[in-house]
């Protein structure tokens, strides 16, 4: 899939959250980051699940493709209540969302970013990240 077609899905996702979430760039993990109150989790998750089709959590992460397991490792691992949502694994750039509830039970953080195919060279990935950030206007 061409990058502009893949990122049109990201733009649709961002539009679906218009007025609900405020995005910022998390340089530590190179992801778009939003935080929201736990009482909004059902409506946020419903929107995410319209765009992201697979779910990986502590019970099934060992069966995930290596690139997914590497992403979870890069994010610091996965604990109970946390999960990763992914778009189709058939495209060169896969979108992932890490769902991380806070320990205090009051908020949830979501982090979204492209998950590069193992063969994607660094300059191409940097370009994808720039396109991705542009979608979020961050």
N, C-alpha and C. Protein backbone atom coordinates (compact mmCIF):
# COMPACT_ATOMS: atom_id res chain seq x y z
N UNK A 1 0.84 -1.18 0.00
CA UNK A 1 0.00 0.00 0.00
C UNK A 1 0.89 1.24 0.00
N UNK A 2 0.54 2.25 -0.78
CA UNK A 2 1.31 3.48 -0.82
C UNK A 2 1.18 4.22 0.51
N UNK A 3 2.26 4.92 0.96
CA UNK A 3 2.21 5.62 2.24
C UNK A 3 1.04 6.58 2.35
N UNK A 4 0.72 7.32 1.28
CA UNK A 4 -0.38 8.28 1.39
C UNK A 4 -1.71 7.58 1.63
N UNK A 5 -1.89 6.41 1.05
CA UNK A 5 -3.13 5.65 1.29
C UNK A 5 -3.16 5.15 2.73
N UNK A 6 -2.04 4.63 3.22
CA UNK A 6 -1.98 4.15 4.60
C UNK A 6 -2.25 5.29 5.58
N UNK A 7 -1.68 6.46 5.33
CA UNK A 7 -1.85 7.56 6.25
C UNK A 7 -3.20 8.25 6.10
N UNK A 8 -3.92 7.97 5.05
CA UNK A 8 -5.29 8.47 4.98
C UNK A 8 -6.13 7.80 6.06
N UNK A 9 -5.82 6.54 6.37
CA UNK A 9 -6.51 5.84 7.47
C UNK A 9 -6.18 6.50 8.81
N UNK A 10 -4.91 6.92 8.97
CA UNK A 10 -4.51 7.59 10.20
C UNK A 10 -5.28 8.90 10.32
N UNK A 11 -5.39 9.65 9.23
CA UNK A 11 -6.12 10.91 9.24
C UNK A 11 -7.59 10.68 9.62
N UNK A 12 -8.19 9.60 9.11
CA UNK A 12 -9.57 9.27 9.47
C UNK A 12 -9.68 8.97 10.96
N UNK A 13 -8.71 8.24 11.49
CA UNK A 13 -8.70 7.91 12.92
C UNK A 13 -8.59 9.19 13.75
N UNK A 14 -7.68 10.07 13.38
CA UNK A 14 -7.51 11.34 14.10
C UNK A 14 -8.82 12.13 14.05
N UNK A 15 -9.45 12.18 12.87
CA UNK A 15 -10.73 12.90 12.74
C UNK A 15 -11.80 12.30 13.64
N UNK A 16 -11.80 10.98 13.79
CA UNK A 16 -12.81 10.32 14.63
C UNK A 16 -12.67 10.74 16.10
N UNK A 17 -11.47 11.14 16.50
CA UNK A 17 -11.23 11.57 17.88
C UNK A 17 -11.33 13.08 18.06
N UNK A 18 -11.71 13.80 16.99
CA UNK A 18 -11.78 15.25 17.05
C UNK A 18 -12.65 15.70 18.23
N UNK A 19 -12.11 16.58 19.05
CA UNK A 19 -12.84 17.10 20.20
C UNK A 19 -12.84 16.18 21.40
N UNK A 20 -12.31 14.97 21.27
CA UNK A 20 -12.30 14.01 22.38
C UNK A 20 -10.93 13.87 23.01
N UNK A 21 -9.90 13.89 22.17
CA UNK A 21 -8.54 13.66 22.65
C UNK A 21 -7.62 14.78 22.21
N UNK A 22 -6.64 15.07 23.04
CA UNK A 22 -5.57 16.00 22.69
C UNK A 22 -4.30 15.17 22.53
N UNK A 23 -3.65 15.33 21.39
CA UNK A 23 -2.46 14.54 21.07
C UNK A 23 -1.20 15.34 21.31
N UNK A 24 -0.18 14.65 21.76
CA UNK A 24 1.16 15.23 21.87
C UNK A 24 2.15 14.17 21.42
N UNK A 25 3.37 14.59 21.14
CA UNK A 25 4.40 13.66 20.70
C UNK A 25 5.17 13.16 21.89
N UNK A 26 5.28 11.84 22.02
CA UNK A 26 6.06 11.21 23.07
C UNK A 26 7.39 10.79 22.45
N UNK A 27 8.40 11.64 22.63
CA UNK A 27 9.71 11.39 22.02
C UNK A 27 10.39 10.15 22.59
N UNK A 28 10.05 9.78 23.80
CA UNK A 28 10.65 8.60 24.42
C UNK A 28 10.34 7.34 23.63
N UNK A 29 9.11 7.22 23.18
CA UNK A 29 8.69 6.03 22.44
C UNK A 29 8.41 6.32 20.96
N UNK A 30 8.57 7.57 20.55
CA UNK A 30 8.27 8.00 19.17
C UNK A 30 6.85 7.62 18.77
N UNK A 31 5.91 8.07 19.58
CA UNK A 31 4.49 7.79 19.36
C UNK A 31 3.66 9.04 19.59
N UNK A 32 2.48 9.07 19.00
CA UNK A 32 1.48 10.06 19.36
C UNK A 32 0.86 9.57 20.67
N UNK A 33 0.66 10.48 21.60
CA UNK A 33 0.18 10.11 22.93
C UNK A 33 -1.06 10.91 23.29
N UNK A 34 -2.06 10.23 23.82
CA UNK A 34 -3.23 10.90 24.38
C UNK A 34 -3.58 10.20 25.69
N UNK A 35 -4.11 10.97 26.61
CA UNK A 35 -4.54 10.45 27.91
C UNK A 35 -6.00 10.84 28.09
N UNK A 36 -6.76 9.96 28.73
CA UNK A 36 -8.18 10.25 28.94
C UNK A 36 -8.66 9.57 30.20
N UNK A 37 -9.79 10.05 30.71
CA UNK A 37 -10.40 9.49 31.92
C UNK A 37 -10.94 8.10 31.64
N UNK A 38 -10.81 7.22 32.62
CA UNK A 38 -11.21 5.83 32.45
C UNK A 38 -12.70 5.70 32.08
N UNK A 39 -13.53 6.64 32.50
CA UNK A 39 -14.95 6.54 32.15
C UNK A 39 -15.21 6.70 30.65
N UNK A 40 -14.22 7.19 29.90
CA UNK A 40 -14.35 7.34 28.45
C UNK A 40 -13.81 6.13 27.68
N UNK A 41 -13.37 5.11 28.39
CA UNK A 41 -12.67 4.00 27.73
C UNK A 41 -13.52 3.28 26.68
N UNK A 42 -14.80 3.07 26.92
CA UNK A 42 -15.62 2.33 25.97
C UNK A 42 -15.76 3.06 24.63
N UNK A 43 -15.99 4.36 24.68
CA UNK A 43 -16.14 5.09 23.41
C UNK A 43 -14.79 5.24 22.70
N UNK A 44 -13.70 5.39 23.43
CA UNK A 44 -12.37 5.47 22.81
C UNK A 44 -12.02 4.13 22.16
N UNK A 45 -12.24 3.05 22.89
CA UNK A 45 -11.93 1.72 22.37
C UNK A 45 -12.79 1.39 21.15
N UNK A 46 -14.05 1.78 21.16
CA UNK A 46 -14.93 1.52 20.01
C UNK A 46 -14.39 2.20 18.75
N UNK A 47 -13.88 3.41 18.88
CA UNK A 47 -13.31 4.10 17.72
C UNK A 47 -12.05 3.39 17.26
N UNK A 48 -11.16 3.06 18.19
CA UNK A 48 -9.92 2.36 17.83
C UNK A 48 -10.22 1.05 17.10
N UNK A 49 -11.19 0.31 17.59
CA UNK A 49 -11.50 -1.00 16.99
C UNK A 49 -12.12 -0.89 15.60
N UNK A 50 -12.58 0.29 15.21
CA UNK A 50 -13.05 0.49 13.83
C UNK A 50 -11.86 0.51 12.86
N UNK A 51 -10.69 0.87 13.35
CA UNK A 51 -9.51 1.04 12.50
C UNK A 51 -8.44 -0.03 12.71
N UNK A 52 -8.40 -0.61 13.88
CA UNK A 52 -7.34 -1.55 14.25
C UNK A 52 -7.98 -2.91 14.50
N UNK A 53 -7.51 -3.93 13.79
CA UNK A 53 -8.27 -5.17 13.71
C UNK A 53 -7.76 -6.33 14.56
N UNK A 54 -6.52 -6.26 15.04
CA UNK A 54 -6.04 -7.36 15.87
C UNK A 54 -5.64 -6.84 17.24
N UNK A 55 -5.74 -7.73 18.22
CA UNK A 55 -5.47 -7.35 19.61
C UNK A 55 -4.51 -8.36 20.22
N UNK A 56 -3.47 -7.82 20.86
CA UNK A 56 -2.47 -8.65 21.53
C UNK A 56 -2.38 -8.20 22.98
N UNK A 57 -2.46 -9.17 23.89
CA UNK A 57 -2.38 -8.87 25.32
C UNK A 57 -1.48 -9.91 25.99
N UNK A 58 -1.29 -9.83 27.31
CA UNK A 58 -0.38 -10.78 27.96
C UNK A 58 -0.73 -12.26 27.74
N UNK A 59 -1.99 -12.55 27.47
CA UNK A 59 -2.39 -13.95 27.29
C UNK A 59 -2.03 -14.53 25.93
N UNK A 60 -1.81 -13.65 24.92
CA UNK A 60 -1.53 -14.18 23.57
C UNK A 60 -0.30 -13.56 22.90
N UNK A 61 0.41 -12.67 23.59
CA UNK A 61 1.53 -11.97 22.96
C UNK A 61 2.62 -12.94 22.50
N UNK A 62 2.77 -14.06 23.15
CA UNK A 62 3.79 -15.03 22.74
C UNK A 62 3.50 -15.58 21.34
N UNK A 63 2.27 -15.49 20.86
CA UNK A 63 1.90 -15.96 19.53
C UNK A 63 1.97 -14.86 18.47
N UNK A 64 2.30 -13.64 18.88
CA UNK A 64 2.34 -12.50 17.96
C UNK A 64 3.56 -12.59 17.05
N UNK A 65 3.47 -11.95 15.88
CA UNK A 65 4.65 -11.86 15.01
C UNK A 65 5.81 -11.19 15.76
N UNK A 66 7.02 -11.50 15.33
CA UNK A 66 8.20 -10.97 16.00
C UNK A 66 8.21 -9.45 16.06
N UNK A 67 7.78 -8.78 14.99
CA UNK A 67 7.78 -7.31 14.99
C UNK A 67 6.85 -6.75 16.07
N UNK A 68 5.75 -7.45 16.34
CA UNK A 68 4.82 -7.02 17.38
C UNK A 68 5.45 -7.23 18.76
N UNK A 69 6.08 -8.38 18.96
CA UNK A 69 6.76 -8.65 20.24
C UNK A 69 7.89 -7.66 20.48
N UNK A 70 8.63 -7.29 19.43
CA UNK A 70 9.69 -6.30 19.56
C UNK A 70 9.12 -4.94 19.98
N UNK A 71 8.00 -4.58 19.40
CA UNK A 71 7.37 -3.31 19.75
C UNK A 71 6.97 -3.29 21.21
N UNK A 72 6.38 -4.38 21.68
CA UNK A 72 6.00 -4.48 23.08
C UNK A 72 7.24 -4.36 23.97
N UNK A 73 8.32 -5.01 23.57
CA UNK A 73 9.56 -4.91 24.32
C UNK A 73 10.10 -3.49 24.36
N UNK A 74 10.03 -2.80 23.22
CA UNK A 74 10.49 -1.41 23.14
C UNK A 74 9.66 -0.49 24.03
N UNK A 75 8.40 -0.86 24.24
CA UNK A 75 7.51 -0.07 25.09
C UNK A 75 7.64 -0.44 26.56
N UNK A 76 8.50 -1.39 26.88
CA UNK A 76 8.73 -1.76 28.28
C UNK A 76 8.00 -2.99 28.75
N UNK A 77 7.45 -3.76 27.82
CA UNK A 77 6.73 -4.97 28.19
C UNK A 77 5.25 -4.70 28.34
N UNK A 78 4.55 -5.73 28.77
CA UNK A 78 3.10 -5.64 28.86
C UNK A 78 2.64 -6.27 30.16
N UNK A 79 1.81 -5.54 30.91
CA UNK A 79 1.26 -6.05 32.17
C UNK A 79 -0.24 -6.27 32.01
N UNK A 80 -0.84 -6.88 33.01
CA UNK A 80 -2.29 -7.12 33.01
C UNK A 80 -3.02 -5.80 32.76
N UNK A 81 -4.03 -5.85 31.90
CA UNK A 81 -4.83 -4.68 31.57
C UNK A 81 -4.31 -3.90 30.38
N UNK A 82 -3.08 -4.20 29.97
CA UNK A 82 -2.49 -3.52 28.82
C UNK A 82 -2.66 -4.39 27.58
N UNK A 83 -2.76 -3.74 26.43
CA UNK A 83 -2.82 -4.50 25.18
C UNK A 83 -2.36 -3.62 24.03
N UNK A 84 -2.14 -4.28 22.92
CA UNK A 84 -1.71 -3.62 21.69
C UNK A 84 -2.74 -3.93 20.62
N UNK A 85 -3.20 -2.91 19.91
CA UNK A 85 -4.10 -3.06 18.77
C UNK A 85 -3.31 -2.76 17.51
N UNK A 86 -3.57 -3.50 16.44
CA UNK A 86 -2.85 -3.29 15.18
C UNK A 86 -3.80 -3.24 14.00
N UNK A 87 -3.38 -2.48 13.00
CA UNK A 87 -4.08 -2.50 11.71
C UNK A 87 -3.64 -3.76 10.97
N UNK A 88 -4.02 -3.89 9.75
CA UNK A 88 -3.69 -5.06 8.95
C UNK A 88 -2.18 -5.26 8.86
N UNK A 89 -1.75 -6.49 9.02
CA UNK A 89 -0.33 -6.82 8.89
C UNK A 89 0.08 -6.97 7.43
N UNK A 90 -0.85 -6.75 6.51
CA UNK A 90 -0.58 -6.93 5.08
C UNK A 90 0.07 -5.71 4.43
N UNK A 91 0.10 -4.57 5.10
CA UNK A 91 0.68 -3.38 4.49
C UNK A 91 2.12 -3.18 4.97
N UNK A 92 2.87 -2.36 4.24
CA UNK A 92 4.26 -2.13 4.59
C UNK A 92 4.38 -1.41 5.93
N UNK A 93 3.48 -0.48 6.19
CA UNK A 93 3.47 0.21 7.47
C UNK A 93 2.19 -0.15 8.21
N UNK A 94 2.36 -0.74 9.36
CA UNK A 94 1.25 -1.16 10.20
C UNK A 94 1.09 -0.13 11.32
N UNK A 95 -0.11 0.26 11.61
CA UNK A 95 -0.38 1.18 12.70
C UNK A 95 -0.64 0.38 13.97
N UNK A 96 0.00 0.78 15.07
CA UNK A 96 -0.29 0.13 16.34
C UNK A 96 -0.76 1.15 17.36
N UNK A 97 -1.52 0.66 18.32
CA UNK A 97 -1.95 1.46 19.46
C UNK A 97 -1.67 0.67 20.73
N UNK A 98 -0.88 1.25 21.61
CA UNK A 98 -0.63 0.65 22.92
C UNK A 98 -1.63 1.25 23.90
N UNK A 99 -2.36 0.40 24.60
CA UNK A 99 -3.39 0.79 25.56
C UNK A 99 -2.83 0.52 26.95
N UNK A 100 -2.53 1.57 27.69
CA UNK A 100 -1.88 1.43 28.99
C UNK A 100 -2.70 2.13 30.07
N UNK A 101 -3.49 1.40 30.84
CA UNK A 101 -4.20 2.00 31.99
C UNK A 101 -3.19 2.46 33.06
N UNK A 102 -3.50 3.54 33.72
CA UNK A 102 -2.64 4.04 34.79
C UNK A 102 -2.86 3.22 36.04
N UNK A 103 -1.84 3.14 36.87
CA UNK A 103 -1.90 2.39 38.12
C UNK A 103 -2.94 2.90 39.09
N UNK A 104 -3.28 4.20 39.01
CA UNK A 104 -4.26 4.77 39.94
C UNK A 104 -5.71 4.47 39.52
N UNK A 105 -5.90 3.86 38.33
CA UNK A 105 -7.24 3.50 37.86
C UNK A 105 -8.08 4.65 37.37
N UNK A 106 -7.50 5.85 37.27
CA UNK A 106 -8.27 7.02 36.88
C UNK A 106 -8.11 7.39 35.41
N UNK A 107 -6.99 7.04 34.81
CA UNK A 107 -6.72 7.44 33.42
C UNK A 107 -6.16 6.27 32.63
N UNK A 108 -6.22 6.44 31.32
CA UNK A 108 -5.63 5.50 30.38
C UNK A 108 -4.83 6.32 29.37
N UNK A 109 -3.66 5.82 29.01
CA UNK A 109 -2.85 6.43 27.96
C UNK A 109 -2.93 5.53 26.73
N UNK A 110 -3.02 6.15 25.57
CA UNK A 110 -2.87 5.41 24.33
C UNK A 110 -1.72 6.03 23.54
N UNK A 111 -0.95 5.16 22.95
CA UNK A 111 0.18 5.59 22.12
C UNK A 111 -0.01 4.96 20.75
N UNK A 112 0.05 5.78 19.71
CA UNK A 112 -0.10 5.29 18.35
C UNK A 112 1.15 5.63 17.54
N UNK A 113 1.53 4.70 16.67
CA UNK A 113 2.67 4.92 15.79
C UNK A 113 2.66 3.87 14.69
N UNK A 114 3.39 4.14 13.62
CA UNK A 114 3.56 3.10 12.61
C UNK A 114 4.56 2.06 13.09
N UNK A 115 4.26 0.83 12.80
CA UNK A 115 5.16 -0.28 13.10
C UNK A 115 5.78 -0.66 11.77
N UNK A 116 7.06 -0.39 11.61
CA UNK A 116 7.71 -0.59 10.32
C UNK A 116 7.96 -2.06 10.05
N UNK A 117 7.85 -2.41 8.80
CA UNK A 117 8.27 -3.75 8.39
C UNK A 117 9.78 -3.85 8.62
N UNK A 118 10.26 -5.03 8.93
CA UNK A 118 11.67 -5.22 9.24
C UNK A 118 12.58 -4.74 8.12
N UNK A 119 12.10 -4.74 6.89
CA UNK A 119 12.93 -4.39 5.75
C UNK A 119 12.92 -2.89 5.44
N UNK A 120 12.14 -2.10 6.16
CA UNK A 120 12.04 -0.68 5.86
C UNK A 120 13.30 0.03 6.35
N UNK A 121 14.00 0.69 5.43
CA UNK A 121 15.25 1.38 5.75
C UNK A 121 14.98 2.61 6.61
N UNK A 122 15.97 3.02 7.39
CA UNK A 122 15.83 4.14 8.30
C UNK A 122 15.35 5.44 7.62
N UNK A 123 15.90 5.87 6.49
CA UNK A 123 15.37 7.11 5.90
C UNK A 123 13.89 7.00 5.56
N UNK A 124 13.46 5.85 5.09
CA UNK A 124 12.04 5.65 4.77
C UNK A 124 11.20 5.70 6.04
N UNK A 125 11.69 5.08 7.12
CA UNK A 125 10.94 5.09 8.37
C UNK A 125 10.85 6.51 8.93
N UNK A 126 11.93 7.29 8.83
CA UNK A 126 11.90 8.68 9.29
C UNK A 126 10.86 9.48 8.52
N UNK A 127 10.76 9.21 7.23
CA UNK A 127 9.77 9.87 6.40
C UNK A 127 8.36 9.48 6.84
N UNK A 128 8.17 8.20 7.15
CA UNK A 128 6.85 7.73 7.61
C UNK A 128 6.47 8.40 8.93
N UNK A 129 7.45 8.52 9.84
CA UNK A 129 7.18 9.16 11.13
C UNK A 129 6.78 10.62 10.91
N UNK A 130 7.47 11.31 10.01
CA UNK A 130 7.13 12.71 9.72
C UNK A 130 5.71 12.81 9.18
N UNK A 131 5.33 11.92 8.26
CA UNK A 131 3.96 11.91 7.72
C UNK A 131 2.96 11.65 8.83
N UNK A 132 3.30 10.71 9.68
CA UNK A 132 2.44 10.31 10.78
C UNK A 132 2.21 11.51 11.73
N UNK A 133 3.28 12.17 12.13
CA UNK A 133 3.17 13.32 13.03
C UNK A 133 2.31 14.41 12.38
N UNK A 134 2.45 14.58 11.08
CA UNK A 134 1.66 15.58 10.37
C UNK A 134 0.16 15.27 10.47
N UNK A 135 -0.19 14.00 10.41
CA UNK A 135 -1.61 13.62 10.54
C UNK A 135 -2.19 14.08 11.89
N UNK A 136 -1.37 14.01 12.94
CA UNK A 136 -1.80 14.38 14.28
C UNK A 136 -1.58 15.86 14.58
N UNK A 137 -0.94 16.55 13.62
CA UNK A 137 -0.59 17.97 13.78
C UNK A 137 0.20 18.19 15.06
N UNK A 138 1.22 17.32 15.24
CA UNK A 138 2.10 17.44 16.41
C UNK A 138 3.56 17.51 15.96
